[in-house]
N, C-alpha and C. Protein backbone atom coordinates (compact mmCIF):
# COMPACT_ATOMS: atom_id res chain seq x y z
N UNK A 1 1.14 -63.53 14.56
CA UNK A 1 1.73 -62.70 15.63
C UNK A 1 2.68 -63.54 16.47
N UNK A 2 3.71 -62.90 17.05
CA UNK A 2 4.68 -63.66 17.85
C UNK A 2 4.07 -64.18 19.13
N UNK A 3 4.54 -65.38 19.55
CA UNK A 3 4.10 -65.95 20.81
C UNK A 3 4.92 -65.33 21.95
N UNK A 4 4.28 -65.00 23.08
CA UNK A 4 5.04 -64.46 24.20
C UNK A 4 6.01 -65.50 24.74
N UNK A 5 7.11 -65.05 25.33
CA UNK A 5 8.09 -65.96 25.90
C UNK A 5 7.49 -66.67 27.11
N UNK A 6 7.85 -67.95 27.32
CA UNK A 6 7.31 -68.66 28.49
C UNK A 6 7.79 -68.06 29.81
N UNK A 7 8.99 -67.45 29.78
CA UNK A 7 9.53 -66.83 30.99
C UNK A 7 10.21 -65.53 30.60
N UNK A 8 9.73 -64.39 31.12
CA UNK A 8 10.33 -63.11 30.74
C UNK A 8 11.76 -62.99 31.24
N UNK A 9 12.58 -62.24 30.51
CA UNK A 9 13.97 -62.08 30.87
C UNK A 9 14.13 -61.42 32.25
N UNK A 10 13.20 -60.57 32.62
CA UNK A 10 13.30 -59.88 33.92
C UNK A 10 13.22 -60.86 35.08
N UNK A 11 12.69 -62.06 34.83
CA UNK A 11 12.58 -63.07 35.89
C UNK A 11 13.88 -63.85 36.06
N UNK A 12 14.85 -63.63 35.18
CA UNK A 12 16.11 -64.36 35.23
C UNK A 12 17.18 -63.56 35.99
N UNK A 13 18.15 -64.26 36.54
CA UNK A 13 19.30 -63.57 37.09
C UNK A 13 20.18 -63.09 35.93
N UNK A 14 21.11 -62.20 36.22
CA UNK A 14 22.04 -61.73 35.19
C UNK A 14 22.82 -62.91 34.63
N UNK A 15 23.23 -63.81 35.52
CA UNK A 15 24.00 -64.97 35.07
C UNK A 15 23.18 -65.84 34.12
N UNK A 16 21.92 -66.04 34.45
CA UNK A 16 21.05 -66.86 33.59
C UNK A 16 20.87 -66.21 32.22
N UNK A 17 20.66 -64.90 32.21
CA UNK A 17 20.47 -64.21 30.94
C UNK A 17 21.74 -64.31 30.08
N UNK A 18 22.89 -64.08 30.69
CA UNK A 18 24.15 -64.14 29.94
C UNK A 18 24.40 -65.55 29.44
N UNK A 19 24.09 -66.55 30.24
CA UNK A 19 24.26 -67.94 29.79
C UNK A 19 23.39 -68.22 28.58
N UNK A 20 22.15 -67.75 28.60
CA UNK A 20 21.27 -67.94 27.44
C UNK A 20 21.79 -67.18 26.24
N UNK A 21 22.30 -65.99 26.48
CA UNK A 21 22.85 -65.18 25.40
C UNK A 21 24.05 -65.88 24.76
N UNK A 22 24.85 -66.56 25.57
CA UNK A 22 26.07 -67.21 25.10
C UNK A 22 25.81 -68.56 24.45
N UNK A 23 24.60 -69.07 24.55
CA UNK A 23 24.30 -70.40 24.02
C UNK A 23 24.11 -70.37 22.51
N UNK A 24 23.91 -71.54 21.95
CA UNK A 24 23.68 -71.65 20.50
C UNK A 24 22.24 -71.36 20.11
N UNK A 25 21.39 -71.10 21.08
CA UNK A 25 19.99 -70.75 20.78
C UNK A 25 19.94 -69.37 20.12
N UNK A 26 19.03 -69.19 19.14
CA UNK A 26 18.98 -67.91 18.43
C UNK A 26 18.44 -66.74 19.26
N UNK A 27 17.68 -67.06 20.32
CA UNK A 27 17.18 -66.00 21.20
C UNK A 27 17.53 -66.34 22.64
N UNK A 28 17.88 -65.35 23.44
CA UNK A 28 18.00 -63.93 23.09
C UNK A 28 19.22 -63.67 22.24
N UNK A 29 19.18 -62.55 21.50
CA UNK A 29 20.29 -62.15 20.66
C UNK A 29 20.62 -60.69 20.87
N UNK A 30 21.18 -60.10 19.82
CA UNK A 30 21.64 -58.72 19.92
C UNK A 30 20.55 -57.72 20.21
N UNK A 31 19.34 -57.98 19.72
CA UNK A 31 18.24 -57.05 19.97
C UNK A 31 17.85 -57.02 21.44
N UNK A 32 17.70 -58.21 22.04
CA UNK A 32 17.36 -58.28 23.45
C UNK A 32 18.50 -57.72 24.30
N UNK A 33 19.74 -58.02 23.91
CA UNK A 33 20.89 -57.50 24.66
C UNK A 33 20.92 -55.97 24.62
N UNK A 34 20.59 -55.39 23.48
CA UNK A 34 20.55 -53.93 23.36
C UNK A 34 19.49 -53.34 24.27
N UNK A 35 18.32 -53.96 24.29
CA UNK A 35 17.24 -53.47 25.15
C UNK A 35 17.62 -53.55 26.62
N UNK A 36 18.27 -54.64 27.01
CA UNK A 36 18.69 -54.79 28.41
C UNK A 36 19.76 -53.75 28.76
N UNK A 37 20.70 -53.51 27.84
CA UNK A 37 21.72 -52.49 28.09
C UNK A 37 21.08 -51.12 28.29
N UNK A 38 20.09 -50.80 27.49
CA UNK A 38 19.39 -49.53 27.64
C UNK A 38 18.61 -49.48 28.95
N UNK A 39 18.06 -50.63 29.38
CA UNK A 39 17.36 -50.69 30.67
C UNK A 39 18.33 -50.40 31.81
N UNK A 40 19.56 -50.91 31.70
CA UNK A 40 20.57 -50.61 32.72
C UNK A 40 20.87 -49.12 32.75
N UNK A 41 20.94 -48.51 31.58
CA UNK A 41 21.17 -47.06 31.51
C UNK A 41 20.04 -46.30 32.19
N UNK A 42 18.80 -46.73 31.94
CA UNK A 42 17.65 -46.08 32.56
C UNK A 42 17.70 -46.25 34.08
N UNK A 43 18.13 -47.43 34.53
CA UNK A 43 18.27 -47.66 35.96
C UNK A 43 19.28 -46.72 36.60
N UNK A 44 20.37 -46.45 35.89
CA UNK A 44 21.38 -45.52 36.39
C UNK A 44 20.82 -44.10 36.52
N UNK A 45 20.01 -43.71 35.55
CA UNK A 45 19.39 -42.38 35.61
C UNK A 45 18.53 -42.27 36.87
N UNK A 46 17.73 -43.29 37.13
CA UNK A 46 16.89 -43.28 38.31
C UNK A 46 17.73 -43.30 39.59
N UNK A 47 18.83 -44.04 39.57
CA UNK A 47 19.70 -44.11 40.73
C UNK A 47 20.29 -42.74 41.08
N UNK A 48 20.79 -42.03 40.06
CA UNK A 48 21.37 -40.71 40.30
C UNK A 48 20.32 -39.78 40.89
N UNK A 49 19.10 -39.86 40.37
CA UNK A 49 18.03 -39.03 40.92
C UNK A 49 17.76 -39.41 42.38
N UNK A 50 17.73 -40.71 42.66
CA UNK A 50 17.46 -41.16 44.03
C UNK A 50 18.53 -40.66 44.99
N UNK A 51 19.77 -40.64 44.54
CA UNK A 51 20.88 -40.20 45.38
C UNK A 51 20.91 -38.68 45.56
N UNK A 52 20.02 -37.99 44.87
CA UNK A 52 19.99 -36.52 44.94
C UNK A 52 18.88 -36.01 45.85
N UNK A 53 17.90 -36.86 46.14
CA UNK A 53 16.78 -36.44 46.98
C UNK A 53 17.22 -36.31 48.43
N UNK A 54 16.61 -35.35 49.15
CA UNK A 54 16.87 -35.18 50.57
C UNK A 54 18.15 -34.46 50.90
N UNK A 55 18.78 -33.86 49.91
CA UNK A 55 20.02 -33.12 50.13
C UNK A 55 19.75 -31.63 49.87
N UNK A 56 20.07 -30.81 50.84
CA UNK A 56 19.74 -29.38 50.75
C UNK A 56 20.36 -28.73 49.51
N UNK A 57 21.55 -29.16 49.13
CA UNK A 57 22.25 -28.58 47.99
C UNK A 57 21.46 -28.72 46.70
N UNK A 58 20.65 -29.79 46.62
CA UNK A 58 19.93 -30.07 45.37
C UNK A 58 18.43 -29.81 45.50
N UNK A 59 18.03 -29.16 46.60
CA UNK A 59 16.62 -28.84 46.80
C UNK A 59 16.04 -27.99 45.65
N UNK A 60 16.80 -27.04 45.08
CA UNK A 60 16.24 -26.27 43.96
C UNK A 60 15.91 -27.11 42.73
N UNK A 61 16.44 -28.34 42.68
CA UNK A 61 16.24 -29.20 41.52
C UNK A 61 15.26 -30.34 41.81
N UNK A 62 14.53 -30.24 42.93
CA UNK A 62 13.72 -31.37 43.39
C UNK A 62 12.72 -31.84 42.35
N UNK A 63 12.03 -30.92 41.69
CA UNK A 63 11.03 -31.34 40.70
C UNK A 63 11.69 -32.10 39.55
N UNK A 64 12.84 -31.62 39.09
CA UNK A 64 13.57 -32.29 38.03
C UNK A 64 14.05 -33.66 38.48
N UNK A 65 14.53 -33.73 39.71
CA UNK A 65 15.03 -34.99 40.27
C UNK A 65 13.91 -36.02 40.37
N UNK A 66 12.75 -35.60 40.85
CA UNK A 66 11.62 -36.53 40.99
C UNK A 66 11.15 -37.02 39.63
N UNK A 67 11.12 -36.13 38.65
CA UNK A 67 10.74 -36.55 37.30
C UNK A 67 11.77 -37.53 36.73
N UNK A 68 13.04 -37.24 36.97
CA UNK A 68 14.09 -38.11 36.46
C UNK A 68 14.02 -39.50 37.05
N UNK A 69 13.75 -39.58 38.35
CA UNK A 69 13.65 -40.89 39.00
C UNK A 69 12.48 -41.69 38.42
N UNK A 70 11.34 -41.05 38.27
CA UNK A 70 10.17 -41.73 37.73
C UNK A 70 10.39 -42.14 36.27
N UNK A 71 11.00 -41.25 35.49
CA UNK A 71 11.24 -41.54 34.09
C UNK A 71 12.22 -42.70 33.92
N UNK A 72 13.26 -42.72 34.74
CA UNK A 72 14.22 -43.81 34.67
C UNK A 72 13.57 -45.15 34.95
N UNK A 73 12.74 -45.20 35.97
CA UNK A 73 12.05 -46.45 36.30
C UNK A 73 11.08 -46.86 35.21
N UNK A 74 10.35 -45.90 34.66
CA UNK A 74 9.39 -46.21 33.59
C UNK A 74 10.11 -46.78 32.38
N UNK A 75 11.21 -46.14 32.00
CA UNK A 75 11.93 -46.58 30.81
C UNK A 75 12.61 -47.94 31.03
N UNK A 76 13.13 -48.17 32.23
CA UNK A 76 13.74 -49.47 32.51
C UNK A 76 12.70 -50.58 32.37
N UNK A 77 11.51 -50.35 32.89
CA UNK A 77 10.43 -51.34 32.79
C UNK A 77 10.05 -51.56 31.33
N UNK A 78 9.91 -50.49 30.57
CA UNK A 78 9.53 -50.60 29.16
C UNK A 78 10.60 -51.34 28.36
N UNK A 79 11.85 -51.06 28.62
CA UNK A 79 12.93 -51.67 27.87
C UNK A 79 13.07 -53.16 28.19
N UNK A 80 12.83 -53.56 29.42
CA UNK A 80 12.85 -54.98 29.73
C UNK A 80 11.73 -55.71 29.00
N UNK A 81 10.58 -55.06 28.89
CA UNK A 81 9.48 -55.64 28.12
C UNK A 81 9.86 -55.75 26.64
N UNK A 82 10.55 -54.74 26.13
CA UNK A 82 10.97 -54.77 24.72
C UNK A 82 12.01 -55.85 24.46
N UNK A 83 12.81 -56.19 25.46
CA UNK A 83 13.75 -57.30 25.29
C UNK A 83 12.99 -58.59 25.01
N UNK A 84 11.91 -58.81 25.75
CA UNK A 84 11.06 -59.98 25.49
C UNK A 84 10.41 -59.90 24.12
N UNK A 85 9.92 -58.72 23.77
CA UNK A 85 9.26 -58.55 22.47
C UNK A 85 10.22 -58.81 21.33
N UNK A 86 11.47 -58.39 21.49
CA UNK A 86 12.45 -58.59 20.44
C UNK A 86 12.71 -60.08 20.22
N UNK A 87 12.89 -60.81 21.31
CA UNK A 87 13.14 -62.25 21.20
C UNK A 87 11.95 -62.95 20.56
N UNK A 88 10.73 -62.58 20.94
CA UNK A 88 9.54 -63.19 20.36
C UNK A 88 9.41 -62.86 18.89
N UNK A 89 9.76 -61.62 18.53
CA UNK A 89 9.68 -61.20 17.13
C UNK A 89 10.67 -61.98 16.26
N UNK A 90 11.86 -62.19 16.79
CA UNK A 90 12.86 -62.94 16.03
C UNK A 90 12.42 -64.39 15.84
N UNK A 91 11.81 -64.98 16.87
CA UNK A 91 11.32 -66.35 16.76
C UNK A 91 10.22 -66.43 15.70
N UNK A 92 9.34 -65.43 15.66
CA UNK A 92 8.27 -65.39 14.64
C UNK A 92 8.88 -65.31 13.24
N UNK A 93 9.89 -64.46 13.08
CA UNK A 93 10.55 -64.33 11.79
C UNK A 93 11.21 -65.66 11.40
N UNK A 94 11.85 -66.34 12.35
CA UNK A 94 12.47 -67.62 12.07
C UNK A 94 11.46 -68.65 11.62
N UNK A 95 10.28 -68.66 12.23
CA UNK A 95 9.23 -69.58 11.83
C UNK A 95 8.75 -69.29 10.41
N UNK A 96 8.65 -68.01 10.08
CA UNK A 96 8.22 -67.64 8.72
C UNK A 96 9.24 -68.09 7.69
N UNK A 97 10.51 -68.00 8.01
CA UNK A 97 11.55 -68.42 7.09
C UNK A 97 11.51 -69.93 6.82
N UNK A 98 10.95 -70.69 7.75
CA UNK A 98 10.90 -72.15 7.62
C UNK A 98 9.67 -72.64 6.85
N UNK A 99 8.79 -71.74 6.46
CA UNK A 99 7.58 -72.16 5.74
C UNK A 99 7.96 -72.82 4.42
N UNK A 100 7.13 -73.76 3.96
CA UNK A 100 7.44 -74.47 2.70
C UNK A 100 7.41 -73.53 1.50
N UNK A 101 8.20 -73.85 0.49
CA UNK A 101 8.24 -73.04 -0.74
C UNK A 101 8.38 -73.92 -1.98
N UNK A 102 7.66 -75.06 -1.93
CA UNK A 102 7.74 -76.00 -3.05
C UNK A 102 6.90 -75.60 -4.24
N UNK A 103 5.83 -74.83 -4.01
CA UNK A 103 4.95 -74.40 -5.10
C UNK A 103 4.91 -72.88 -5.14
N UNK A 104 4.37 -72.35 -6.23
CA UNK A 104 4.25 -70.90 -6.34
C UNK A 104 3.35 -70.34 -5.24
N UNK A 105 2.28 -71.09 -4.93
CA UNK A 105 1.37 -70.63 -3.88
C UNK A 105 2.09 -70.61 -2.52
N UNK A 106 2.84 -71.66 -2.24
CA UNK A 106 3.59 -71.70 -0.99
C UNK A 106 4.63 -70.59 -0.93
N UNK A 107 5.26 -70.31 -2.04
CA UNK A 107 6.26 -69.24 -2.07
C UNK A 107 5.61 -67.88 -1.77
N UNK A 108 4.42 -67.67 -2.34
CA UNK A 108 3.72 -66.41 -2.12
C UNK A 108 3.33 -66.26 -0.65
N UNK A 109 2.83 -67.36 -0.07
CA UNK A 109 2.44 -67.32 1.34
C UNK A 109 3.66 -67.06 2.21
N UNK A 110 4.77 -67.73 1.88
CA UNK A 110 6.00 -67.57 2.66
C UNK A 110 6.53 -66.15 2.56
N UNK A 111 6.54 -65.58 1.35
CA UNK A 111 7.04 -64.22 1.17
C UNK A 111 6.22 -63.22 1.98
N UNK A 112 4.89 -63.39 1.93
CA UNK A 112 4.02 -62.49 2.69
C UNK A 112 4.25 -62.62 4.19
N UNK A 113 4.41 -63.87 4.65
CA UNK A 113 4.63 -64.11 6.08
C UNK A 113 5.96 -63.52 6.54
N UNK A 114 6.98 -63.68 5.70
CA UNK A 114 8.29 -63.12 6.05
C UNK A 114 8.22 -61.60 6.12
N UNK A 115 7.53 -61.00 5.14
CA UNK A 115 7.40 -59.55 5.14
C UNK A 115 6.69 -59.03 6.37
N UNK A 116 5.62 -59.71 6.78
CA UNK A 116 4.87 -59.29 7.97
C UNK A 116 5.72 -59.44 9.22
N UNK A 117 6.42 -60.59 9.33
CA UNK A 117 7.25 -60.83 10.51
C UNK A 117 8.43 -59.86 10.56
N UNK A 118 9.02 -59.57 9.40
CA UNK A 118 10.16 -58.65 9.35
C UNK A 118 9.74 -57.23 9.74
N UNK A 119 8.54 -56.83 9.33
CA UNK A 119 8.06 -55.49 9.70
C UNK A 119 7.95 -55.37 11.21
N UNK A 120 7.38 -56.41 11.83
CA UNK A 120 7.28 -56.38 13.29
C UNK A 120 8.66 -56.43 13.93
N UNK A 121 9.53 -57.28 13.37
CA UNK A 121 10.89 -57.42 13.92
C UNK A 121 11.71 -56.15 13.77
N UNK A 122 11.35 -55.30 12.83
CA UNK A 122 12.02 -54.01 12.68
C UNK A 122 11.42 -52.96 13.61
N UNK A 123 10.11 -53.06 13.84
CA UNK A 123 9.45 -52.05 14.68
C UNK A 123 9.84 -52.19 16.15
N UNK A 124 10.12 -53.41 16.61
CA UNK A 124 10.50 -53.58 18.01
C UNK A 124 11.81 -52.85 18.32
N UNK A 125 12.90 -53.07 17.57
CA UNK A 125 14.11 -52.30 17.85
C UNK A 125 13.95 -50.81 17.59
N UNK A 126 13.02 -50.45 16.70
CA UNK A 126 12.75 -49.02 16.51
C UNK A 126 12.19 -48.42 17.80
N UNK A 127 11.37 -49.19 18.51
CA UNK A 127 10.87 -48.73 19.81
C UNK A 127 12.00 -48.66 20.83
N UNK A 128 12.92 -49.62 20.78
CA UNK A 128 14.09 -49.58 21.67
C UNK A 128 14.90 -48.32 21.40
N UNK A 129 15.08 -48.03 20.13
CA UNK A 129 15.86 -46.85 19.73
C UNK A 129 15.22 -45.57 20.26
N UNK A 130 13.91 -45.48 20.15
CA UNK A 130 13.23 -44.29 20.68
C UNK A 130 13.36 -44.21 22.19
N UNK A 131 13.30 -45.35 22.86
CA UNK A 131 13.49 -45.35 24.32
C UNK A 131 14.91 -44.91 24.68
N UNK A 132 15.88 -45.30 23.87
CA UNK A 132 17.26 -44.86 24.12
C UNK A 132 17.35 -43.34 24.08
N UNK A 133 16.64 -42.74 23.13
CA UNK A 133 16.62 -41.27 23.07
C UNK A 133 15.99 -40.70 24.33
N UNK A 134 14.93 -41.31 24.83
CA UNK A 134 14.30 -40.82 26.05
C UNK A 134 15.23 -40.97 27.26
N UNK A 135 16.02 -42.04 27.28
CA UNK A 135 16.95 -42.24 28.39
C UNK A 135 18.01 -41.14 28.40
N UNK A 136 18.60 -40.85 27.23
CA UNK A 136 19.64 -39.81 27.22
C UNK A 136 19.04 -38.43 27.46
N UNK A 137 17.80 -38.22 27.04
CA UNK A 137 17.13 -36.95 27.34
C UNK A 137 16.95 -36.79 28.85
N UNK A 138 16.56 -37.87 29.52
CA UNK A 138 16.40 -37.81 30.98
C UNK A 138 17.75 -37.58 31.65
N UNK A 139 18.79 -38.23 31.13
CA UNK A 139 20.13 -38.05 31.70
C UNK A 139 20.62 -36.62 31.50
N UNK A 140 20.35 -36.05 30.33
CA UNK A 140 20.78 -34.68 30.04
C UNK A 140 20.06 -33.68 30.94
N UNK A 141 18.79 -33.93 31.20
CA UNK A 141 18.04 -33.04 32.08
C UNK A 141 18.61 -33.07 33.50
N UNK A 142 19.03 -34.24 33.96
CA UNK A 142 19.57 -34.37 35.31
C UNK A 142 21.01 -33.88 35.42
N UNK A 143 21.76 -33.96 34.33
CA UNK A 143 23.18 -33.58 34.39
C UNK A 143 23.32 -32.13 34.82
N UNK A 144 24.10 -31.89 35.87
CA UNK A 144 24.26 -30.54 36.40
C UNK A 144 23.10 -30.09 37.25
N UNK A 145 22.13 -30.98 37.47
CA UNK A 145 20.97 -30.66 38.32
C UNK A 145 20.71 -31.79 39.30
N UNK A 146 21.74 -32.53 39.64
CA UNK A 146 21.62 -33.67 40.53
C UNK A 146 22.95 -33.89 41.23
N UNK A 147 23.02 -34.92 42.05
CA UNK A 147 24.18 -35.18 42.89
C UNK A 147 25.47 -35.27 42.06
N UNK A 148 26.36 -34.32 42.26
CA UNK A 148 27.60 -34.28 41.48
C UNK A 148 28.51 -35.46 41.80
N UNK A 149 28.37 -36.02 43.00
CA UNK A 149 29.19 -37.17 43.36
C UNK A 149 28.80 -38.43 42.58
N UNK A 150 27.60 -38.41 42.00
CA UNK A 150 27.15 -39.55 41.21
C UNK A 150 27.04 -39.20 39.73
N UNK A 151 27.56 -38.04 39.34
CA UNK A 151 27.39 -37.56 37.96
C UNK A 151 28.02 -38.50 36.93
N UNK A 152 29.11 -39.17 37.30
CA UNK A 152 29.76 -40.06 36.34
C UNK A 152 28.82 -41.17 35.90
N UNK A 153 27.86 -41.53 36.76
CA UNK A 153 26.90 -42.56 36.38
C UNK A 153 25.98 -42.10 35.25
N UNK A 154 25.77 -40.79 35.16
CA UNK A 154 25.01 -40.27 34.02
C UNK A 154 25.81 -40.42 32.73
N UNK A 155 27.14 -40.25 32.81
CA UNK A 155 27.98 -40.49 31.64
C UNK A 155 27.94 -41.95 31.24
N UNK A 156 27.97 -42.83 32.22
CA UNK A 156 27.87 -44.26 31.93
C UNK A 156 26.53 -44.55 31.26
N UNK A 157 25.46 -43.96 31.78
CA UNK A 157 24.14 -44.14 31.18
C UNK A 157 24.12 -43.65 29.73
N UNK A 158 24.80 -42.55 29.47
CA UNK A 158 24.87 -42.02 28.11
C UNK A 158 25.61 -42.97 27.19
N UNK A 159 26.74 -43.51 27.67
CA UNK A 159 27.50 -44.48 26.87
C UNK A 159 26.68 -45.74 26.60
N UNK A 160 26.04 -46.27 27.63
CA UNK A 160 25.24 -47.48 27.46
C UNK A 160 24.08 -47.24 26.49
N UNK A 161 23.43 -46.09 26.63
CA UNK A 161 22.30 -45.77 25.75
C UNK A 161 22.74 -45.66 24.30
N UNK A 162 23.89 -45.02 24.08
CA UNK A 162 24.38 -44.88 22.71
C UNK A 162 24.73 -46.23 22.11
N UNK A 163 25.38 -47.10 22.92
CA UNK A 163 25.70 -48.44 22.43
C UNK A 163 24.43 -49.23 22.13
N UNK A 164 23.45 -49.13 23.03
CA UNK A 164 22.19 -49.83 22.82
C UNK A 164 21.47 -49.30 21.59
N UNK A 165 21.54 -48.00 21.37
CA UNK A 165 20.90 -47.40 20.20
C UNK A 165 21.53 -47.91 18.91
N UNK A 166 22.85 -48.03 18.89
CA UNK A 166 23.52 -48.59 17.71
C UNK A 166 23.11 -50.05 17.50
N UNK A 167 23.00 -50.80 18.60
CA UNK A 167 22.55 -52.19 18.48
C UNK A 167 21.14 -52.28 17.93
N UNK A 168 20.26 -51.43 18.43
CA UNK A 168 18.88 -51.42 17.92
C UNK A 168 18.84 -51.06 16.45
N UNK A 169 19.65 -50.07 16.05
CA UNK A 169 19.68 -49.65 14.65
C UNK A 169 20.15 -50.78 13.74
N UNK A 170 21.12 -51.56 14.20
CA UNK A 170 21.59 -52.71 13.41
C UNK A 170 20.46 -53.71 13.21
N UNK A 171 19.66 -53.91 14.24
CA UNK A 171 18.57 -54.87 14.15
C UNK A 171 17.41 -54.35 13.29
N UNK A 172 17.29 -53.06 13.17
CA UNK A 172 16.32 -52.50 12.23
C UNK A 172 16.80 -52.75 10.80
N UNK A 173 18.08 -52.39 10.55
CA UNK A 173 18.62 -52.49 9.19
C UNK A 173 18.57 -53.91 8.65
N UNK A 174 18.84 -54.90 9.50
CA UNK A 174 18.92 -56.27 9.01
C UNK A 174 17.56 -56.79 8.54
N UNK A 175 16.49 -56.19 9.04
CA UNK A 175 15.15 -56.62 8.65
C UNK A 175 14.60 -55.88 7.43
N UNK A 176 15.12 -54.72 7.13
CA UNK A 176 14.54 -53.89 6.07
C UNK A 176 14.52 -54.56 4.70
N UNK A 177 15.54 -55.33 4.31
CA UNK A 177 15.48 -55.96 2.98
C UNK A 177 14.32 -56.94 2.80
N UNK A 178 13.76 -57.44 3.88
CA UNK A 178 12.68 -58.42 3.80
C UNK A 178 11.30 -57.77 3.73
N UNK A 179 11.23 -56.45 3.92
CA UNK A 179 9.94 -55.77 3.88
C UNK A 179 9.45 -55.69 2.44
N UNK A 180 8.19 -56.04 2.21
CA UNK A 180 7.63 -55.99 0.87
C UNK A 180 7.25 -54.56 0.49
N UNK A 181 6.96 -53.72 1.47
CA UNK A 181 6.64 -52.32 1.23
C UNK A 181 7.94 -51.52 1.28
N UNK A 182 8.50 -51.23 0.12
CA UNK A 182 9.81 -50.58 0.07
C UNK A 182 9.74 -49.13 0.58
N UNK A 183 8.61 -48.46 0.36
CA UNK A 183 8.47 -47.10 0.87
C UNK A 183 8.50 -47.10 2.39
N UNK A 184 7.82 -48.08 3.00
CA UNK A 184 7.81 -48.19 4.45
C UNK A 184 9.21 -48.52 4.97
N UNK A 185 9.93 -49.36 4.24
CA UNK A 185 11.30 -49.72 4.63
C UNK A 185 12.21 -48.49 4.60
N UNK A 186 12.10 -47.71 3.52
CA UNK A 186 12.95 -46.52 3.40
C UNK A 186 12.62 -45.51 4.50
N UNK A 187 11.34 -45.35 4.80
CA UNK A 187 10.92 -44.39 5.82
C UNK A 187 11.42 -44.83 7.19
N UNK A 188 11.30 -46.12 7.49
CA UNK A 188 11.75 -46.63 8.78
C UNK A 188 13.26 -46.47 8.92
N UNK A 189 13.99 -46.75 7.85
CA UNK A 189 15.44 -46.58 7.89
C UNK A 189 15.84 -45.13 8.10
N UNK A 190 15.16 -44.22 7.40
CA UNK A 190 15.48 -42.80 7.53
C UNK A 190 15.20 -42.29 8.93
N UNK A 191 14.03 -42.65 9.48
CA UNK A 191 13.67 -42.17 10.82
C UNK A 191 14.59 -42.78 11.89
N UNK A 192 15.02 -44.00 11.66
CA UNK A 192 15.94 -44.64 12.61
C UNK A 192 17.29 -43.94 12.62
N UNK A 193 17.77 -43.57 11.43
CA UNK A 193 19.04 -42.84 11.35
C UNK A 193 18.95 -41.51 12.07
N UNK A 194 17.81 -40.84 11.91
CA UNK A 194 17.61 -39.56 12.60
C UNK A 194 17.62 -39.73 14.12
N UNK A 195 16.92 -40.75 14.59
CA UNK A 195 16.85 -40.98 16.03
C UNK A 195 18.22 -41.35 16.59
N UNK A 196 18.96 -42.17 15.85
CA UNK A 196 20.31 -42.55 16.29
C UNK A 196 21.21 -41.32 16.39
N UNK A 197 21.10 -40.43 15.43
CA UNK A 197 21.89 -39.20 15.47
C UNK A 197 21.50 -38.35 16.69
N UNK A 198 20.21 -38.32 17.01
CA UNK A 198 19.75 -37.59 18.21
C UNK A 198 20.37 -38.18 19.48
N UNK A 199 20.36 -39.51 19.57
CA UNK A 199 20.92 -40.17 20.75
C UNK A 199 22.39 -39.82 20.91
N UNK A 200 23.15 -39.89 19.83
CA UNK A 200 24.58 -39.59 19.90
C UNK A 200 24.82 -38.13 20.31
N UNK A 201 24.03 -37.23 19.74
CA UNK A 201 24.20 -35.81 20.06
C UNK A 201 23.89 -35.53 21.52
N UNK A 202 22.80 -36.07 22.02
CA UNK A 202 22.41 -35.82 23.41
C UNK A 202 23.37 -36.51 24.37
N UNK A 203 23.84 -37.71 24.01
CA UNK A 203 24.81 -38.41 24.86
C UNK A 203 26.10 -37.60 24.99
N UNK A 204 26.52 -36.98 23.90
CA UNK A 204 27.72 -36.12 23.97
C UNK A 204 27.47 -34.94 24.90
N UNK A 205 26.27 -34.39 24.84
CA UNK A 205 25.93 -33.25 25.72
C UNK A 205 25.96 -33.67 27.19
N UNK A 206 25.45 -34.86 27.48
CA UNK A 206 25.49 -35.36 28.86
C UNK A 206 26.93 -35.44 29.35
N UNK A 207 27.78 -36.04 28.54
CA UNK A 207 29.17 -36.22 28.96
C UNK A 207 29.89 -34.88 29.13
N UNK A 208 29.54 -33.91 28.30
CA UNK A 208 30.16 -32.59 28.40
C UNK A 208 29.76 -31.90 29.70
N UNK A 209 28.49 -31.97 30.06
CA UNK A 209 28.03 -31.34 31.30
C UNK A 209 28.67 -32.02 32.50
N UNK A 210 28.70 -33.36 32.48
CA UNK A 210 29.32 -34.09 33.59
C UNK A 210 30.80 -33.72 33.72
N UNK A 211 31.49 -33.65 32.58
CA UNK A 211 32.93 -33.33 32.60
C UNK A 211 33.18 -31.93 33.16
N UNK A 212 32.23 -31.03 33.01
CA UNK A 212 32.40 -29.65 33.51
C UNK A 212 32.42 -29.61 35.04
N UNK A 213 31.74 -30.55 35.66
CA UNK A 213 31.68 -30.61 37.12
C UNK A 213 30.87 -29.49 37.75
N UNK A 214 30.09 -28.78 36.95
CA UNK A 214 29.36 -27.62 37.45
C UNK A 214 27.87 -27.90 37.53
N UNK A 215 27.20 -27.18 38.43
CA UNK A 215 25.76 -27.19 38.48
C UNK A 215 25.18 -26.21 37.48
N UNK A 216 23.99 -26.51 36.99
CA UNK A 216 23.30 -25.62 36.05
C UNK A 216 22.10 -24.96 36.73
N UNK A 217 21.54 -24.02 36.03
CA UNK A 217 20.34 -23.35 36.55
C UNK A 217 19.17 -24.34 36.62
N UNK A 218 18.33 -24.25 37.67
CA UNK A 218 17.16 -25.11 37.71
C UNK A 218 16.23 -24.84 36.53
N UNK A 219 15.50 -25.86 36.13
CA UNK A 219 14.53 -25.69 35.07
C UNK A 219 13.29 -24.99 35.60
N UNK A 220 12.66 -24.22 34.76
CA UNK A 220 11.43 -23.54 35.15
C UNK A 220 10.29 -24.55 35.20
N UNK A 221 9.41 -24.39 36.17
CA UNK A 221 8.24 -25.24 36.24
C UNK A 221 8.48 -26.56 36.94
């Protein structure tokens, strides 16, 4: 199993994280960057909801606004944790790749270790991808039901989520060839493609509602 990072990314400043990203160290990489980008999108969703509370114009949407604020914060927290998980998973995979392969027994042990590490390394970005879908779903629910003066931030959240989703999908695909269970690899790839398509479709819907500049009917319940 992967070792946890000695210092979580959330404890770093933006400058520190970017400096680490720009270094020659293998982690953090594209997977962690994608998770952080999606966390920023989730933060924007929560911000738009926060800017909508206490305004009479948006009182009919209060339940939706409160859910959106809570969901944005929950997803931002989860995605920052996934950034750490992604970096740890990549380090585990790198360690497996370094195992000796001088004998047939060593080769077998190495192949099994790589397959196990790759499966985990694929599942982490798959979780990021699913969170990206939840972020755009939260943004779509708020679009037209929250502060119109901050609506463009929902479009930004949609763009960031879609970019993060594509990044996560790339990190899933790169691990699939190393999986020893080909049926599991095919299933993970298929489900990831479906989720990515969902993210793109919902992100387009968010941008369309924001571009309309109109309020929508409150949700029931």
